[in-house]
């Protein structure tokens, strides 16, 4: 099938653009776009998945104000509109590559809507290609890039519209593509457990004029099994090969506060102190990472499936049902500078440095 993408000089296979290099159903392109207010009181979270070997495009969008969450999520047949990024009322448009993006959510039953224009503040930066094999099968082969910036437009929540400006909101984005192991196990495949335990941390932090991003997995003893960290400046990106982290964990095994100490290539270190603001978004549940309420990334849900809802994360039963991947809004300090960030900190089993499960 030919699409408008086939008119661009960007092919890497002698096939139409709808075809990828392999038939693995877990081949996916993903977009993640978390936006946080500078006072830490509001999170806007957006995600899309493009599954050419499943003929699926899915997406989610939501707003958290404190523990009050409203969300939309949906799935559609990818073809024939393979060259448009939309699911129901949610749409993503690249106006200028690596610089300007428009994200819109039309009014819907969740009571949220927006029109946001993202402008990059820093250069985009990509992780190195990586792959992972298990028992003769490639279960992961992917690459991703990150970028942080400002956002302009408006947000509606329960009929109340507020202005969004680069001074009041900071935006972050993550683009990945390749084979990606689903977090919800395939019941037709042999299951595997992570050995022993460990912890996963992923952060976006923005100050005025500079930012930090990292993606890290540690084993049960705190040894890194995957590490990527950088400091972003308007005219350059510094690699941060060293990272030491601490966290105060609550009785529910979610982080309350902590520190990230980074070391650059010259051996110089700096420390960021962070503390949760009280606003959190259940990215894992709403976003289809965990199979929450029958929605899972990449799952064929029919020609079109749309869902809206609201959640009270102060309710213990609801929180336990969603437990897993949360985006936490955080106030971050570096010396006398104050910034804002999104922090993900997820233990999987025991983690000795934090005294979890030991």
Protein backbone atom coordinates (compact mmCIF):
# COMPACT_ATOMS: atom_id res chain seq x y z
CA UNK A 1 0.00 0.00 0.00
CA UNK A 2 1.36 3.43 -0.96
CA UNK A 3 0.98 6.39 1.40
CA UNK A 4 2.13 10.01 1.41
CA UNK A 5 5.27 8.83 3.24
CA UNK A 6 6.38 7.03 0.07
CA UNK A 7 6.85 10.42 -1.61
CA UNK A 8 9.65 11.30 0.85
CA UNK A 9 13.33 10.44 0.32
CA UNK A 10 13.57 8.36 3.49
CA UNK A 11 13.17 4.70 2.48
CA UNK A 12 15.64 2.12 3.78
CA UNK A 13 14.01 -0.97 2.25
CA UNK A 14 13.01 -1.76 -1.32
CA UNK A 15 9.42 -1.86 -0.08
CA UNK A 16 6.67 0.70 0.51
CA UNK A 17 7.06 2.67 3.72
CA UNK A 18 4.34 0.66 5.49
CA UNK A 19 6.71 -2.35 5.64
CA UNK A 20 9.43 -2.73 8.26
CA UNK A 21 12.49 -4.97 8.14
CA UNK A 22 10.95 -7.93 9.98
CA UNK A 23 7.64 -9.53 10.81
CA UNK A 24 7.98 -9.62 14.62
CA UNK A 25 4.59 -8.46 15.99
CA UNK A 26 6.41 -6.58 18.77
CA UNK A 27 8.05 -4.17 16.30
CA UNK A 28 6.74 -0.77 17.38
CA UNK A 29 7.33 2.95 17.17
CA UNK A 30 6.34 4.83 20.31
CA UNK A 31 5.87 8.46 21.32
CA UNK A 32 5.80 9.57 24.95
CA UNK A 33 5.11 13.23 25.72
CA UNK A 34 4.88 14.13 29.44
CA UNK A 35 4.30 17.79 30.28
CA UNK A 36 4.54 19.19 33.82
CA UNK A 37 3.61 22.59 35.23
CA UNK A 38 6.44 24.54 36.82
CA UNK A 39 4.61 24.53 40.16
CA UNK A 40 4.37 20.73 39.99
CA UNK A 41 0.60 20.76 40.34
CA UNK A 42 -0.39 19.46 36.89
CA UNK A 43 0.84 16.66 34.63
CA UNK A 44 -0.33 16.21 31.04
CA UNK A 45 0.66 12.80 29.69
CA UNK A 46 0.41 11.54 26.09
CA UNK A 47 1.53 8.38 24.33
CA UNK A 48 1.13 6.72 20.92
CA UNK A 49 2.06 3.29 19.61
CA UNK A 50 2.44 2.37 15.91
CA UNK A 51 2.40 -1.40 15.28
CA UNK A 52 2.74 -2.06 11.52
CA UNK A 53 2.88 -5.85 11.98
CA UNK A 54 -0.30 -5.84 14.10
CA UNK A 55 -2.17 -3.21 12.01
CA UNK A 56 -2.72 -1.21 15.21
CA UNK A 57 -2.27 2.39 16.29
CA UNK A 58 -3.10 3.09 19.91
CA UNK A 59 -2.79 6.09 22.18
CA UNK A 60 -3.57 7.61 25.55
CA UNK A 61 -3.91 11.08 26.99
CA UNK A 62 -4.57 12.28 30.49
CA UNK A 63 -4.32 15.04 33.05
CA UNK A 64 -3.45 14.72 36.73
CA UNK A 65 -4.03 17.50 39.23
CA UNK A 66 -2.79 16.15 42.53
CA UNK A 67 -4.38 12.70 42.82
CA UNK A 68 -7.34 13.60 40.56
CA UNK A 69 -6.82 11.96 37.15
CA UNK A 70 -8.89 12.15 33.95
CA UNK A 71 -7.95 10.08 30.93
CA UNK A 72 -8.70 9.08 27.36
CA UNK A 73 -7.28 6.02 25.63
CA UNK A 74 -8.06 4.27 22.40
CA UNK A 75 -7.03 2.00 19.57
CA UNK A 76 -7.76 1.89 15.85
CA UNK A 77 -6.89 -0.05 12.73
CA UNK A 78 -3.63 1.43 11.44
CA UNK A 79 -4.46 0.99 7.77
CA UNK A 80 -5.43 2.71 5.51
CA UNK A 81 -4.60 5.96 7.42
CA UNK A 82 -1.09 4.78 8.24
CA UNK A 83 0.47 8.20 7.58
CA UNK A 84 -1.58 10.06 10.23
CA UNK A 85 -0.86 9.98 13.96
CA UNK A 86 -4.26 10.05 15.65
CA UNK A 87 -6.61 7.93 17.73
CA UNK A 88 -10.15 9.27 18.12
CA UNK A 89 -9.92 12.87 19.42
CA UNK A 90 -6.14 12.70 20.07
CA UNK A 91 -3.76 13.89 17.33
CA UNK A 92 0.01 14.46 16.88
CA UNK A 93 1.48 16.58 14.07
CA UNK A 94 5.19 17.14 13.37
CA UNK A 95 5.36 20.68 11.98
CA UNK A 96 9.17 20.85 11.87
CA UNK A 97 11.27 17.79 12.57
CA UNK A 98 13.20 17.87 15.87
CA UNK A 99 11.80 21.32 16.62
CA UNK A 100 8.03 21.98 16.50
CA UNK A 101 5.10 19.64 17.22
CA UNK A 102 1.38 20.21 17.72
CA UNK A 103 -0.62 17.91 20.00
CA UNK A 104 -4.39 18.31 20.26
CA UNK A 105 -7.10 16.56 22.24
CA UNK A 106 -10.66 17.45 21.26
CA UNK A 107 -13.37 17.62 23.90
CA UNK A 108 -14.49 14.20 25.10
CA UNK A 109 -16.35 12.47 27.93
CA UNK A 110 -13.32 12.64 30.25
CA UNK A 111 -13.77 16.41 30.58
CA UNK A 112 -10.27 17.25 29.31
CA UNK A 113 -9.09 18.94 26.12
CA UNK A 114 -6.07 20.87 24.87
CA UNK A 115 -4.21 22.46 22.00
CA UNK A 116 -0.45 22.46 22.67
CA UNK A 117 2.43 23.67 20.51
CA UNK A 118 5.79 22.21 21.52
CA UNK A 119 9.02 24.07 20.70
CA UNK A 120 12.37 22.46 21.41
CA UNK A 121 14.64 24.28 23.87
CA UNK A 122 17.55 21.85 23.51
CA UNK A 123 18.99 19.62 20.79
CA UNK A 124 17.59 16.11 20.42
CA UNK A 125 19.84 13.33 21.67
CA UNK A 126 19.71 9.61 21.04
CA UNK A 127 20.61 6.48 22.95
CA UNK A 128 22.92 4.00 21.27
CA UNK A 129 21.33 1.05 19.50
CA UNK A 130 20.91 -1.89 21.85
CA UNK A 131 19.52 -5.40 21.67
CA UNK A 132 18.80 -8.25 24.05
CA UNK A 133 18.59 -11.97 23.28
CA UNK A 134 17.08 -14.74 25.38
CA UNK A 135 17.21 -18.47 24.57
CA UNK A 136 17.99 -17.85 20.91
CA UNK A 137 15.32 -15.19 20.37
CA UNK A 138 15.84 -11.47 20.02
CA UNK A 139 13.36 -9.96 22.48
CA UNK A 140 14.54 -6.35 22.25
CA UNK A 141 16.18 -4.34 19.48
CA UNK A 142 15.56 -0.65 19.72
CA UNK A 143 16.85 2.87 19.64
CA UNK A 144 15.36 6.07 21.03
CA UNK A 145 15.92 9.79 21.29
CA UNK A 146 14.91 12.45 23.79
CA UNK A 147 14.25 16.16 23.67
CA UNK A 148 13.02 18.78 26.10
CA UNK A 149 11.39 22.13 25.49
CA UNK A 150 8.56 24.53 26.18
CA UNK A 151 4.90 24.44 25.27
CA UNK A 152 2.28 27.05 24.39
CA UNK A 153 -1.49 26.81 24.11
CA UNK A 154 -4.39 25.96 26.39
CA UNK A 155 -5.68 23.19 28.64
CA UNK A 156 -9.26 22.49 29.73
CA UNK A 157 -10.09 20.46 32.85
CA UNK A 158 -13.73 20.08 33.89
CA UNK A 159 -14.72 22.99 31.69
CA UNK A 160 -12.13 25.39 33.11
CA UNK A 161 -9.61 26.63 30.56
CA UNK A 162 -6.12 27.74 31.53
CA UNK A 163 -3.35 29.24 29.44
CA UNK A 164 -0.23 27.17 28.86
CA UNK A 165 3.08 29.02 28.37
CA UNK A 166 6.79 28.05 28.42
CA UNK A 167 6.99 29.89 31.76
CA UNK A 168 4.25 27.78 33.35
CA UNK A 169 4.77 24.36 31.73
CA UNK A 170 7.79 22.29 30.63
CA UNK A 171 7.53 19.57 28.00
CA UNK A 172 9.56 16.42 27.40
CA UNK A 173 9.45 13.82 24.68
CA UNK A 174 10.76 10.32 24.05
CA UNK A 175 10.70 8.61 20.61
CA UNK A 176 11.63 4.95 20.23
CA UNK A 177 11.39 2.30 17.53
CA UNK A 178 12.28 -1.34 17.06
CA UNK A 179 11.39 -4.62 18.75
CA UNK A 180 10.20 -4.04 22.28
CA UNK A 181 9.34 -6.72 24.82
CA UNK A 182 5.79 -6.16 26.13
CA UNK A 183 5.47 -5.67 29.88
CA UNK A 184 2.34 -7.83 29.91
CA UNK A 185 3.55 -11.39 29.20
CA UNK A 186 2.30 -13.16 26.08
CA UNK A 187 0.43 -16.22 27.44
CA UNK A 188 1.55 -18.27 24.41
CA UNK A 189 5.26 -17.72 25.20
CA UNK A 190 7.52 -19.08 27.93
CA UNK A 191 7.63 -16.62 30.84
CA UNK A 192 10.81 -15.32 32.48
CA UNK A 193 11.31 -13.53 35.76
CA UNK A 194 13.84 -10.79 36.43
CA UNK A 195 16.66 -12.31 38.45
CA UNK A 196 16.45 -11.29 42.10
CA UNK A 197 15.11 -7.78 41.72
CA UNK A 198 16.36 -4.29 40.96
CA UNK A 199 15.13 -0.78 40.24
CA UNK A 200 14.35 1.35 37.20
CA UNK A 201 14.73 5.15 37.17
CA UNK A 202 13.87 7.51 34.34
CA UNK A 203 13.86 11.29 34.74
CA UNK A 204 13.39 14.55 32.87
CA UNK A 205 14.48 17.63 34.83
CA UNK A 206 14.45 21.21 33.49
CA UNK A 207 16.00 24.33 34.96
CA UNK A 208 16.17 27.75 33.31
CA UNK A 209 18.72 27.28 30.52
CA UNK A 210 19.70 23.65 31.12
CA UNK A 211 18.25 20.22 31.74
CA UNK A 212 19.12 16.64 32.70
CA UNK A 213 17.70 13.38 31.39
CA UNK A 214 18.57 9.84 32.41
CA UNK A 215 17.41 6.26 31.79
CA UNK A 216 18.83 3.65 34.17
CA UNK A 217 18.25 0.09 35.36
CA UNK A 218 20.10 -1.35 38.39
CA UNK A 219 20.28 -4.93 39.61
CA UNK A 220 19.34 -5.98 43.15
CA UNK A 221 22.70 -4.72 44.53
CA UNK A 222 22.65 -1.36 42.74
CA UNK A 223 24.95 -2.27 39.86
CA UNK A 224 23.83 -0.64 36.58
CA UNK A 225 22.66 -3.03 33.87
CA UNK A 226 21.68 -0.14 31.56
CA UNK A 227 22.76 3.50 31.85
CA UNK A 228 22.17 6.60 29.76
CA UNK A 229 22.45 10.11 31.22
CA UNK A 230 23.06 13.55 29.74
CA UNK A 231 23.05 17.24 30.62
CA UNK A 232 21.34 19.35 27.94
CA UNK A 233 22.38 22.93 27.19
CA UNK A 234 21.06 25.13 24.34
CA UNK A 235 24.23 24.63 22.26
CA UNK A 236 25.56 21.24 23.39
CA UNK A 237 24.93 17.99 25.23
CA UNK A 238 27.28 16.63 27.91
CA UNK A 239 27.50 12.91 28.57
CA UNK A 240 27.15 11.92 32.24
CA UNK A 241 28.75 8.49 32.64
CA UNK A 242 28.46 8.48 36.45
CA UNK A 243 25.24 8.37 38.46
CA UNK A 244 24.64 7.65 42.15
CA UNK A 245 21.08 7.86 43.44
CA UNK A 246 19.27 7.72 46.76
CA UNK A 247 15.59 7.77 47.58
CA UNK A 248 13.27 7.83 50.56
CA UNK A 249 10.67 5.18 49.76
CA UNK A 250 7.21 5.16 51.28
CA UNK A 251 5.55 2.07 52.79
CA UNK A 252 3.85 1.57 49.40
CA UNK A 253 7.29 1.31 47.72
CA UNK A 254 6.87 4.60 45.86
CA UNK A 255 9.55 7.32 46.05
CA UNK A 256 9.00 10.42 48.21
CA UNK A 257 12.28 12.30 47.74
CA UNK A 258 15.89 11.64 46.90
CA UNK A 259 19.09 12.71 45.21
CA UNK A 260 20.78 12.15 41.87
CA UNK A 261 24.54 12.76 41.77
CA UNK A 262 25.95 12.91 38.25
CA UNK A 263 29.58 12.84 37.10
CA UNK A 264 30.61 14.17 33.69
CA UNK A 265 33.42 13.05 31.37
CA UNK A 266 35.86 15.43 33.09
CA UNK A 267 35.20 13.79 36.46
CA UNK A 268 33.27 16.75 37.87
CA UNK A 269 30.10 16.00 39.84
CA UNK A 270 26.91 17.83 40.71
CA UNK A 271 23.95 16.82 42.86
CA UNK A 272 20.23 17.30 42.32
CA UNK A 273 17.84 17.06 45.28
CA UNK A 274 14.25 16.23 44.41
CA UNK A 275 10.95 15.94 46.25
CA UNK A 276 7.53 14.84 45.03
CA UNK A 277 4.91 17.59 44.75
CA UNK A 278 1.91 15.33 45.31
CA UNK A 279 0.86 15.12 41.64
CA UNK A 280 1.28 11.78 39.87
CA UNK A 281 0.01 10.20 36.68
CA UNK A 282 -0.51 6.41 36.30
CA UNK A 283 1.29 6.03 32.98
CA UNK A 284 1.57 2.26 33.30
CA UNK A 285 -2.13 1.67 33.84
CA UNK A 286 -3.69 4.33 31.61
CA UNK A 287 -0.99 3.92 28.97
CA UNK A 288 -1.54 0.20 28.44
CA UNK A 289 1.76 -1.01 29.89
CA UNK A 290 0.10 -3.17 32.55
CA UNK A 291 -3.17 -4.37 31.01
CA UNK A 292 -5.22 -2.15 33.35
CA UNK A 293 -8.95 -2.62 32.70
CA UNK A 294 -8.42 -4.70 29.54
CA UNK A 295 -6.24 -2.22 27.62
CA UNK A 296 -2.75 -3.32 26.58
CA UNK A 297 -0.36 -1.72 24.11
CA UNK A 298 -0.50 -3.25 20.65
CA UNK A 299 -3.57 -5.37 21.34
CA UNK A 300 -6.09 -5.56 18.49
CA UNK A 301 -9.23 -3.92 19.89
CA UNK A 302 -11.19 -3.79 16.62
CA UNK A 303 -11.49 -1.10 13.95
CA UNK A 304 -11.91 1.55 16.67
CA UNK A 305 -12.06 1.35 20.45
CA UNK A 306 -12.32 4.46 22.64
CA UNK A 307 -12.43 4.74 26.42
CA UNK A 308 -12.54 7.58 28.96
CA UNK A 309 -12.50 7.65 32.72
CA UNK A 310 -11.51 9.30 35.96
CA UNK A 311 -9.41 8.01 38.85
CA UNK A 312 -8.92 9.04 42.48
CA UNK A 313 -5.37 7.98 43.35
CA UNK A 314 -6.00 8.87 47.00
CA UNK A 315 -8.26 5.81 47.13
CA UNK A 316 -6.17 2.87 48.32
CA UNK A 317 -7.91 0.21 46.21
CA UNK A 318 -7.56 2.28 43.03
CA UNK A 319 -3.89 2.99 43.75
CA UNK A 320 -3.14 -0.70 44.34
CA UNK A 321 -4.91 -1.63 41.11
CA UNK A 322 -2.67 0.81 39.21
CA UNK A 323 0.60 0.16 41.10
CA UNK A 324 3.63 0.09 38.81
CA UNK A 325 4.77 2.79 36.41
CA UNK A 326 3.87 6.28 37.66
CA UNK A 327 5.10 9.66 36.46
CA UNK A 328 5.75 11.72 39.61
CA UNK A 329 5.97 15.52 39.43
CA UNK A 330 8.96 16.73 41.44
CA UNK A 331 10.53 19.97 42.59
CA UNK A 332 14.28 19.78 41.98
CA UNK A 333 17.11 21.85 43.47
CA UNK A 334 20.70 22.29 42.37
CA UNK A 335 22.36 24.73 44.74
CA UNK A 336 20.20 27.85 44.67
CA UNK A 337 18.51 26.90 41.37
CA UNK A 338 15.01 25.41 41.41
CA UNK A 339 13.63 23.33 38.58
CA UNK A 340 10.82 20.90 37.89
CA UNK A 341 10.86 17.34 36.68
CA UNK A 342 9.16 14.06 35.96
CA UNK A 343 10.61 11.17 37.99
CA UNK A 344 9.93 7.48 37.42
CA UNK A 345 11.36 5.20 40.11
CA UNK A 346 10.11 1.62 39.98
CA UNK A 347 11.45 -1.27 42.06
CA UNK A 348 10.90 -4.73 40.58
CA UNK A 349 11.37 -7.11 43.46
CA UNK A 350 13.99 -6.55 46.15
CA UNK A 351 16.52 -3.69 45.99
CA UNK A 352 19.16 -3.80 48.71
CA UNK A 353 20.51 -0.19 48.54
CA UNK A 354 17.03 1.09 49.49
CA UNK A 355 16.29 -1.71 51.92
CA UNK A 356 13.38 -2.99 49.88
CA UNK A 357 12.37 -6.63 50.23
CA UNK A 358 15.47 -7.58 52.27
